[in-house]
Amino acid sequence: MRHGFYFLFFLLWDGRLLEGSNVERQLMKDLLTNYNKVLPVETPNTSLVVSFRLILFRIIELDERNQALVTNVEVVQQWNDIRLKWNASDYGGIQQTMIPYDSIWTPDIILYNR
C-alpha cells in the first residue's frame, strides 16, 4: 500500500506573511535542532497514549462472494510529544504549526490487510 500526503497551500503575499514565515521557520529550527526520534516520554517506564481513528469516507466496492471490500478511508493518529512545546509569545503568537511527519517520532502502526 502506498501512502501519500497531499497538502494544498494558498499563500497571500504581503509583509505580514513574510514576517510570519520567518518566525515560523525559526520556531521549526528551534524545535527540531537536536531532536531525537526516540519514543517521546520523560522516563522509560512512562507509557505514551496514541489515539487512532479510521474514518470511512466511501465504500467503493463490496464483493460478497470473494469477501472483498474496497474503501476510501483516512487514518488519524494523535499523541503528545512533550519535546515539541514552546512559548507562543517568543514566536509572534504562534500557538500551533505543522511539522513534516518524517522529521519527528511517529508511532509504528501498520494496517494489515488480509
C-alpha atoms as a PDB file:
ATOM      1  CA  MET A   1       0.000   0.000   0.000  1.00  0.00           C
ATOM      2  CA  ARG A   2       1.335   3.394  -0.888  1.00  0.00           C
ATOM      3  CA  HIS A   3       0.838   6.286   1.496  1.00  0.00           C
ATOM      4  CA  GLY A   4       0.589   9.792   0.208  1.00  0.00           C
ATOM      5  CA  PHE A   5       0.113  13.060   1.944  1.00  0.00           C
ATOM      6  CA  TYR A   6      -1.286  15.841  -0.155  1.00  0.00           C
ATOM      7  CA  PHE A   7      -1.290  19.382   1.060  1.00  0.00           C
ATOM      8  CA  LEU A   8      -2.642  22.332  -0.834  1.00  0.00           C
ATOM      9  CA  PHE A   9      -1.456  25.694   0.335  1.00  0.00           C
ATOM     10  CA  PHE A  10      -2.805  29.027  -0.806  1.00  0.00           C
ATOM     11  CA  LEU A  11      -0.495  31.884   0.103  1.00  0.00           C
ATOM     12  CA  LEU A  12      -1.253  35.559   0.062  1.00  0.00           C
ATOM     13  CA  TRP A  13       1.872  37.610  -0.371  1.00  0.00           C
ATOM     14  CA  ASP A  14       2.112  40.548   1.967  1.00  0.00           C
ATOM     15  CA  GLY A  15       4.582  41.778   4.578  1.00  0.00           C
ATOM     16  CA  ARG A  16       2.859  40.004   7.473  1.00  0.00           C
ATOM     17  CA  LEU A  17       3.049  36.633   5.721  1.00  0.00           C
ATOM     18  CA  LEU A  18       6.748  37.001   5.017  1.00  0.00           C
ATOM     19  CA  GLU A  19       7.443  38.091   8.575  1.00  0.00           C
ATOM     20  CA  GLY A  20       5.315  35.252   9.927  1.00  0.00           C
ATOM     21  CA  SER A  21       7.063  32.685   7.774  1.00  0.00           C
ATOM     22  CA  ASN A  22      10.455  33.788   9.119  1.00  0.00           C
ATOM     23  CA  VAL A  23       9.191  33.454  12.696  1.00  0.00           C
ATOM     24  CA  GLU A  24       7.709  30.039  11.954  1.00  0.00           C
ATOM     25  CA  ARG A  25      10.913  28.971  10.212  1.00  0.00           C
ATOM     26  CA  GLN A  26      12.849  29.930  13.366  1.00  0.00           C
ATOM     27  CA  LEU A  27      10.351  28.005  15.511  1.00  0.00           C
ATOM     28  CA  MET A  28      10.803  24.883  13.371  1.00  0.00           C
ATOM     29  CA  LYS A  29      14.576  25.230  13.560  1.00  0.00           C
ATOM     30  CA  ASP A  30      14.477  25.603  17.345  1.00  0.00           C
ATOM     31  CA  LEU A  31      12.106  22.650  17.787  1.00  0.00           C
ATOM     32  CA  LEU A  32      13.992  20.240  15.549  1.00  0.00           C
ATOM     33  CA  THR A  33      17.593  21.139  16.416  1.00  0.00           C
ATOM     34  CA  ASN A  34      18.921  18.178  18.427  1.00  0.00           C
ATOM     35  CA  TYR A  35      15.502  16.476  18.245  1.00  0.00           C
ATOM     36  CA  ASN A  36      15.820  12.725  18.771  1.00  0.00           C
ATOM     37  CA  LYS A  37      13.253  10.419  17.146  1.00  0.00           C
ATOM     38  CA  VAL A  38      13.169   8.119  20.174  1.00  0.00           C
ATOM     39  CA  LEU A  39       9.836   7.498  21.936  1.00  0.00           C
ATOM     40  CA  PRO A  40       8.770  10.900  23.374  1.00  0.00           C
ATOM     41  CA  VAL A  41       8.391  10.102  27.081  1.00  0.00           C
ATOM     42  CA  GLU A  42      10.120  11.551  30.148  1.00  0.00           C
ATOM     43  CA  THR A  43      11.200   8.194  31.626  1.00  0.00           C
ATOM     44  CA  PRO A  44      11.484   4.693  30.134  1.00  0.00           C
ATOM     45  CA  ASN A  45       8.663   3.429  32.391  1.00  0.00           C
ATOM     46  CA  THR A  46       6.218   6.067  31.143  1.00  0.00           C
ATOM     47  CA  SER A  47       3.634   4.972  28.610  1.00  0.00           C
ATOM     48  CA  LEU A  48       2.505   7.088  25.689  1.00  0.00           C
ATOM     49  CA  VAL A  49      -1.149   7.197  24.660  1.00  0.00           C
ATOM     50  CA  VAL A  50      -1.684   7.198  20.901  1.00  0.00           C
ATOM     51  CA  SER A  51      -5.200   7.885  19.667  1.00  0.00           C
ATOM     52  CA  PHE A  52      -6.004   6.042  16.447  1.00  0.00           C
ATOM     53  CA  ARG A  53      -9.063   6.665  14.286  1.00  0.00           C
ATOM     54  CA  LEU A  54     -10.072   5.223  10.959  1.00  0.00           C
ATOM     55  CA  ILE A  55     -12.597   7.391   9.152  1.00  0.00           C
ATOM     56  CA  LEU A  56     -14.600   5.703   6.405  1.00  0.00           C
ATOM     57  CA  PHE A  57     -15.300   8.068   3.520  1.00  0.00           C
ATOM     58  CA  ARG A  58     -16.762   5.762   0.912  1.00  0.00           C
ATOM     59  CA  ILE A  59     -17.412   2.124   0.118  1.00  0.00           C
ATOM     60  CA  ILE A  60     -16.226   1.708  -3.441  1.00  0.00           C
ATOM     61  CA  GLU A  61     -16.921  -1.963  -3.988  1.00  0.00           C
ATOM     62  CA  LEU A  62     -18.315  -4.873  -1.995  1.00  0.00           C
ATOM     63  CA  ASP A  63     -17.776  -8.372  -3.365  1.00  0.00           C
ATOM     64  CA  GLU A  64     -19.687 -10.744  -1.070  1.00  0.00           C
ATOM     65  CA  ARG A  65     -18.717 -13.860  -2.968  1.00  0.00           C
ATOM     66  CA  ASN A  66     -14.969 -13.229  -2.588  1.00  0.00           C
ATOM     67  CA  GLN A  67     -15.404 -11.422   0.740  1.00  0.00           C
ATOM     68  CA  ALA A  68     -13.627  -8.341  -0.553  1.00  0.00           C
ATOM     69  CA  LEU A  69     -14.264  -4.713   0.317  1.00  0.00           C
ATOM     70  CA  VAL A  70     -12.691  -1.665  -1.335  1.00  0.00           C
ATOM     71  CA  THR A  71     -12.983   1.634   0.538  1.00  0.00           C
ATOM     72  CA  ASN A  72     -11.647   5.166   0.868  1.00  0.00           C
ATOM     73  CA  VAL A  73     -10.519   5.826   4.439  1.00  0.00           C
ATOM     74  CA  GLU A  74      -8.464   8.342   6.384  1.00  0.00           C
ATOM     75  CA  VAL A  75      -6.173   7.297   9.228  1.00  0.00           C
ATOM     76  CA  VAL A  76      -5.807   9.822  12.064  1.00  0.00           C
ATOM     77  CA  GLN A  77      -3.180   9.354  14.781  1.00  0.00           C
ATOM     78  CA  GLN A  78      -2.750  11.750  17.684  1.00  0.00           C
ATOM     79  CA  TRP A  79      -0.290  11.849  20.588  1.00  0.00           C
ATOM     80  CA  ASN A  80       1.507  14.373  22.760  1.00  0.00           C
ATOM     81  CA  ASP A  81       5.250  14.778  22.176  1.00  0.00           C
ATOM     82  CA  ILE A  82       6.473  16.604  25.297  1.00  0.00           C
ATOM     83  CA  ARG A  83       9.588  17.822  23.487  1.00  0.00           C
ATOM     84  CA  LEU A  84       7.603  19.849  20.944  1.00  0.00           C
ATOM     85  CA  LYS A  85       6.415  22.756  23.053  1.00  0.00           C
ATOM     86  CA  TRP A  86       7.265  26.450  23.058  1.00  0.00           C
ATOM     87  CA  ASN A  87       6.262  29.814  24.457  1.00  0.00           C
ATOM     88  CA  ALA A  88       3.968  31.384  21.846  1.00  0.00           C
ATOM     89  CA  SER A  89       4.970  34.921  22.854  1.00  0.00           C
ATOM     90  CA  ASP A  90       8.572  34.133  21.835  1.00  0.00           C
ATOM     91  CA  TYR A  91       7.404  33.279  18.301  1.00  0.00           C
ATOM     92  CA  GLY A  92       4.994  36.027  17.320  1.00  0.00           C
ATOM     93  CA  GLY A  93       1.990  34.388  18.983  1.00  0.00           C
ATOM     94  CA  ILE A  94       2.229  31.132  17.006  1.00  0.00           C
ATOM     95  CA  GLN A  95       0.321  28.518  19.007  1.00  0.00           C
ATOM     96  CA  GLN A  96       0.375  25.665  16.517  1.00  0.00           C
ATOM     97  CA  THR A  97       2.370  24.620  13.492  1.00  0.00           C
ATOM     98  CA  MET A  98       2.621  21.712  11.078  1.00  0.00           C
ATOM     99  CA  ILE A  99       5.768  19.604  11.185  1.00  0.00           C
ATOM    100  CA  PRO A 100       6.630  17.084   8.448  1.00  0.00           C
ATOM    101  CA  TYR A 101       5.908  13.567   9.730  1.00  0.00           C
ATOM    102  CA  ASP A 102       9.365  12.321   8.760  1.00  0.00           C
ATOM    103  CA  SER A 103      11.029  14.951  10.996  1.00  0.00           C
ATOM    104  CA  ILE A 104       9.624  13.640  14.293  1.00  0.00           C
ATOM    105  CA  TRP A 105       8.852  10.415  16.116  1.00  0.00           C
ATOM    106  CA  THR A 106       5.742   8.701  14.775  1.00  0.00           C
ATOM    107  CA  PRO A 107       4.067   5.530  16.069  1.00  0.00           C
ATOM    108  CA  ASP A 108       4.785   2.248  14.310  1.00  0.00           C
ATOM    109  CA  ILE A 109       1.208   1.402  13.409  1.00  0.00           C
ATOM    110  CA  ILE A 110       0.770  -0.812  10.380  1.00  0.00           C
ATOM    111  CA  LEU A 111      -2.571  -1.569   8.774  1.00  0.00           C
ATOM    112  CA  TYR A 112      -2.674  -5.237   7.935  1.00  0.00           C
ATOM    113  CA  ASN A 113      -4.847  -6.248   5.003  1.00  0.00           C
ATOM    114  CA  ARG A 114      -5.734  -9.923   4.763  1.00  0.00           C
END
